[in-house]
């Protein structure tokens, strides 16, 4: 089995997340993409706006139409900060060490990978797929210098669809009373409206 891991706060999940996941799945012939909403990511724990269960529900709604997508609450159930190293360990216990895990990340995060918790052990344990846009160059030399041979074997790069969508922008649009149609799936837009999410109190 080859499983892609799509992590994030998904606050809210949008078409950029979904299009990237599907492009990675096809290009790397993955059997499944597992979306994992983060509980308290170390780098942005103060910026999460929405209750974790609502983020989980939106992610489930957004992914249910794709038979290759699934959702896990593995990080929401774990106490403390959401370290990717801990998540990968837990996933290996669930799926077995024979399963290859491919963690999907933005190319901008690649430069900081060496600073992640247990970074070298993490890159030995699973694959990383750095997604970038056409014409955007990513300096891979420092990454190779830090991780050595593991960088060549376990860190991959891919050009994905250029959808300039961000959760921050979506939240701002909602606060300003602007449309978010075609930025998120209809079921997510309906959920946001029904629960009054991201509006000014």
Protein backbone atom coordinates (compact mmCIF):
# COMPACT_ATOMS: atom_id res chain seq x y z
CA UNK A 1 0.00 0.00 0.00
CA UNK A 2 1.10 3.55 -0.78
CA UNK A 3 -0.80 6.17 1.23
CA UNK A 4 -0.57 9.93 0.84
CA UNK A 5 -0.95 12.01 3.99
CA UNK A 6 -2.57 15.43 3.58
CA UNK A 7 -2.29 17.33 6.83
CA UNK A 8 -3.47 20.83 7.67
CA UNK A 9 -5.79 22.85 9.83
CA UNK A 10 -8.40 22.84 7.01
CA UNK A 11 -10.01 25.98 8.38
CA UNK A 12 -11.78 25.64 5.99
CA UNK A 13 -10.75 22.95 3.50
CA UNK A 14 -10.91 24.25 -0.09
CA UNK A 15 -10.44 23.23 -3.73
CA UNK A 16 -6.71 23.97 -3.56
CA UNK A 17 -6.29 21.18 -0.99
CA UNK A 18 -8.43 18.77 -3.01
CA UNK A 19 -6.85 19.46 -6.41
CA UNK A 20 -3.34 19.11 -4.96
CA UNK A 21 -4.20 15.81 -3.27
CA UNK A 22 -5.67 14.37 -6.47
CA UNK A 23 -2.66 15.47 -8.57
CA UNK A 24 -0.26 13.85 -6.10
CA UNK A 25 -2.33 10.66 -5.96
CA UNK A 26 -2.24 10.24 -9.73
CA UNK A 27 1.41 11.20 -10.23
CA UNK A 28 2.72 8.89 -7.51
CA UNK A 29 0.20 6.08 -8.08
CA UNK A 30 -0.99 6.22 -4.47
CA UNK A 31 -3.71 3.87 -3.27
CA UNK A 32 -5.30 6.42 -0.95
CA UNK A 33 -5.03 9.99 0.32
CA UNK A 34 -5.64 10.31 4.05
CA UNK A 35 -6.67 13.81 5.17
CA UNK A 36 -5.66 14.52 8.77
CA UNK A 37 -6.97 17.73 10.36
CA UNK A 38 -4.40 19.05 12.84
CA UNK A 39 -5.26 19.65 16.48
CA UNK A 40 -2.45 21.98 17.55
CA UNK A 41 0.28 22.28 14.91
CA UNK A 42 3.44 23.73 16.55
CA UNK A 43 3.85 26.48 13.92
CA UNK A 44 0.30 27.91 13.90
CA UNK A 45 -1.54 26.74 16.99
CA UNK A 46 -2.75 30.27 17.76
CA UNK A 47 -4.27 30.82 14.29
CA UNK A 48 -6.92 28.09 14.33
CA UNK A 49 -10.31 29.76 14.26
CA UNK A 50 -12.76 26.88 14.22
CA UNK A 51 -13.63 24.07 16.62
CA UNK A 52 -11.76 20.86 15.74
CA UNK A 53 -14.93 18.80 15.28
CA UNK A 54 -16.31 21.32 12.78
CA UNK A 55 -13.03 21.27 10.83
CA UNK A 56 -13.22 17.47 10.82
CA UNK A 57 -16.83 17.55 9.59
CA UNK A 58 -16.00 19.99 6.77
CA UNK A 59 -13.05 17.83 5.70
CA UNK A 60 -15.26 14.72 5.68
CA UNK A 61 -17.93 16.49 3.62
CA UNK A 62 -15.38 17.81 1.11
CA UNK A 63 -13.70 14.46 0.49
CA UNK A 64 -16.60 12.00 0.47
CA UNK A 65 -17.21 12.23 -3.31
CA UNK A 66 -13.72 10.83 -4.08
CA UNK A 67 -13.38 7.10 -3.43
CA UNK A 68 -9.61 7.48 -2.99
CA UNK A 69 -9.94 10.08 -0.22
CA UNK A 70 -10.51 9.34 3.46
CA UNK A 71 -10.28 11.29 6.71
CA UNK A 72 -8.67 10.48 10.06
CA UNK A 73 -9.08 12.16 13.45
CA UNK A 74 -5.79 10.66 14.66
CA UNK A 75 -4.29 14.05 15.62
CA UNK A 76 -7.49 15.38 17.15
CA UNK A 77 -7.59 12.42 19.55
CA UNK A 78 -3.98 12.86 20.63
CA UNK A 79 -3.16 15.31 23.40
CA UNK A 80 -0.58 18.07 23.02
CA UNK A 81 1.03 19.51 19.89
CA UNK A 82 0.56 17.71 16.55
CA UNK A 83 4.06 16.59 15.60
CA UNK A 84 4.27 14.85 12.23
CA UNK A 85 6.84 12.41 13.66
CA UNK A 86 4.31 11.14 16.22
CA UNK A 87 1.59 10.89 13.57
CA UNK A 88 3.79 8.83 11.24
CA UNK A 89 4.71 6.47 14.06
CA UNK A 90 1.06 5.95 14.86
CA UNK A 91 0.12 5.41 11.21
CA UNK A 92 2.85 2.80 10.81
CA UNK A 93 1.35 0.94 13.76
CA UNK A 94 -2.09 1.09 12.13
CA UNK A 95 -1.12 0.17 8.55
CA UNK A 96 2.06 -1.84 9.18
CA UNK A 97 5.64 -0.98 8.30
CA UNK A 98 5.24 -2.45 4.81
CA UNK A 99 2.93 0.45 3.91
CA UNK A 100 4.73 3.42 2.35
CA UNK A 101 3.61 6.82 3.66
CA UNK A 102 3.92 9.96 1.53
CA UNK A 103 3.53 13.23 3.43
CA UNK A 104 2.29 16.03 1.17
CA UNK A 105 3.62 19.51 1.92
CA UNK A 106 3.91 22.90 0.25
CA UNK A 107 7.27 23.63 -1.35
CA UNK A 108 7.63 26.67 0.93
CA UNK A 109 7.72 24.30 3.90
CA UNK A 110 10.57 22.29 2.39
CA UNK A 111 13.19 24.85 3.43
CA UNK A 112 12.11 24.47 7.07
CA UNK A 113 11.94 20.68 7.08
CA UNK A 114 15.31 20.39 8.80
CA UNK A 115 13.83 22.26 11.80
CA UNK A 116 10.93 19.83 12.25
CA UNK A 117 10.75 17.60 15.32
CA UNK A 118 13.02 14.52 14.79
CA UNK A 119 13.57 15.64 11.18
CA UNK A 120 16.21 13.09 10.14
CA UNK A 121 14.32 10.14 11.63
CA UNK A 122 11.15 11.44 9.99
CA UNK A 123 12.66 11.54 6.49
CA UNK A 124 14.03 8.01 6.98
CA UNK A 125 10.58 6.84 8.08
CA UNK A 126 8.44 8.18 5.23
CA UNK A 127 8.46 10.00 1.90
CA UNK A 128 7.85 13.74 1.50
CA UNK A 129 6.22 15.26 -1.57
CA UNK A 130 6.78 19.00 -1.96
CA UNK A 131 4.16 20.61 -4.19
CA UNK A 132 4.93 23.73 -6.18
CA UNK A 133 3.47 25.78 -9.02
CA UNK A 134 4.69 26.05 -12.61
CA UNK A 135 7.59 28.51 -12.81
CA UNK A 136 8.27 28.54 -9.05
CA UNK A 137 11.79 27.34 -8.31
CA UNK A 138 12.64 25.58 -5.05
CA UNK A 139 16.23 25.51 -3.80
CA UNK A 140 16.87 21.86 -2.98
CA UNK A 141 20.60 22.18 -2.28
CA UNK A 142 20.33 23.03 1.45
CA UNK A 143 17.83 20.22 1.96
CA UNK A 144 20.20 17.74 0.31
CA UNK A 145 23.08 19.05 2.40
CA UNK A 146 21.18 18.45 5.66
CA UNK A 147 19.49 15.11 4.89
CA UNK A 148 22.14 13.57 2.61
CA UNK A 149 21.16 10.42 0.68
CA UNK A 150 17.75 10.31 2.39
CA UNK A 151 16.81 13.53 0.57
CA UNK A 152 17.33 11.93 -2.83
CA UNK A 153 15.46 8.75 -1.88
CA UNK A 154 12.59 10.14 0.19
CA UNK A 155 11.98 13.78 -0.77
CA UNK A 156 10.18 14.36 -4.06
CA UNK A 157 8.89 17.43 -5.87
CA UNK A 158 5.87 17.89 -8.11
CA UNK A 159 4.23 20.74 -10.01
CA UNK A 160 0.54 20.88 -9.09
CA UNK A 161 -2.45 22.89 -10.42
CA UNK A 162 -2.03 26.60 -9.81
CA UNK A 163 -5.08 27.32 -7.66
CA UNK A 164 -4.40 30.49 -5.71
CA UNK A 165 -6.75 29.77 -2.82
CA UNK A 166 -6.05 30.16 0.89
CA UNK A 167 -8.14 29.45 3.95
CA UNK A 168 -7.18 32.86 5.37
CA UNK A 169 -8.56 34.63 2.28
CA UNK A 170 -11.76 32.58 2.45
CA UNK A 171 -12.32 33.55 6.09
CA UNK A 172 -11.73 37.21 5.24
CA UNK A 173 -14.18 37.07 2.34
CA UNK A 174 -16.87 35.65 4.62
CA UNK A 175 -16.26 38.38 7.21
CA UNK A 176 -16.70 40.97 4.45
CA UNK A 177 -19.87 39.32 3.16
CA UNK A 178 -18.28 38.25 -0.16
CA UNK A 179 -18.94 35.06 -2.12
CA UNK A 180 -16.77 31.97 -1.63
CA UNK A 181 -18.44 29.99 -4.41
CA UNK A 182 -15.95 27.98 -6.50
CA UNK A 183 -13.36 28.29 -3.71
CA UNK A 184 -14.83 25.49 -1.58
CA UNK A 185 -17.14 22.56 -2.42
CA UNK A 186 -20.84 23.40 -2.21
CA UNK A 187 -21.28 21.09 0.80
CA UNK A 188 -18.59 23.02 2.69
CA UNK A 189 -20.12 26.38 1.78
CA UNK A 190 -23.51 25.12 3.00
CA UNK A 191 -21.96 23.90 6.26
CA UNK A 192 -20.23 27.25 6.84
CA UNK A 193 -23.48 29.13 6.23
CA UNK A 194 -25.57 26.77 8.38
CA UNK A 195 -23.18 27.11 11.33
CA UNK A 196 -22.42 30.81 10.89
CA UNK A 197 -18.67 30.19 10.72
CA UNK A 198 -16.06 32.95 10.21
CA UNK A 199 -18.51 35.81 10.58
CA UNK A 200 -17.84 38.75 12.85
CA UNK A 201 -19.48 38.33 16.26
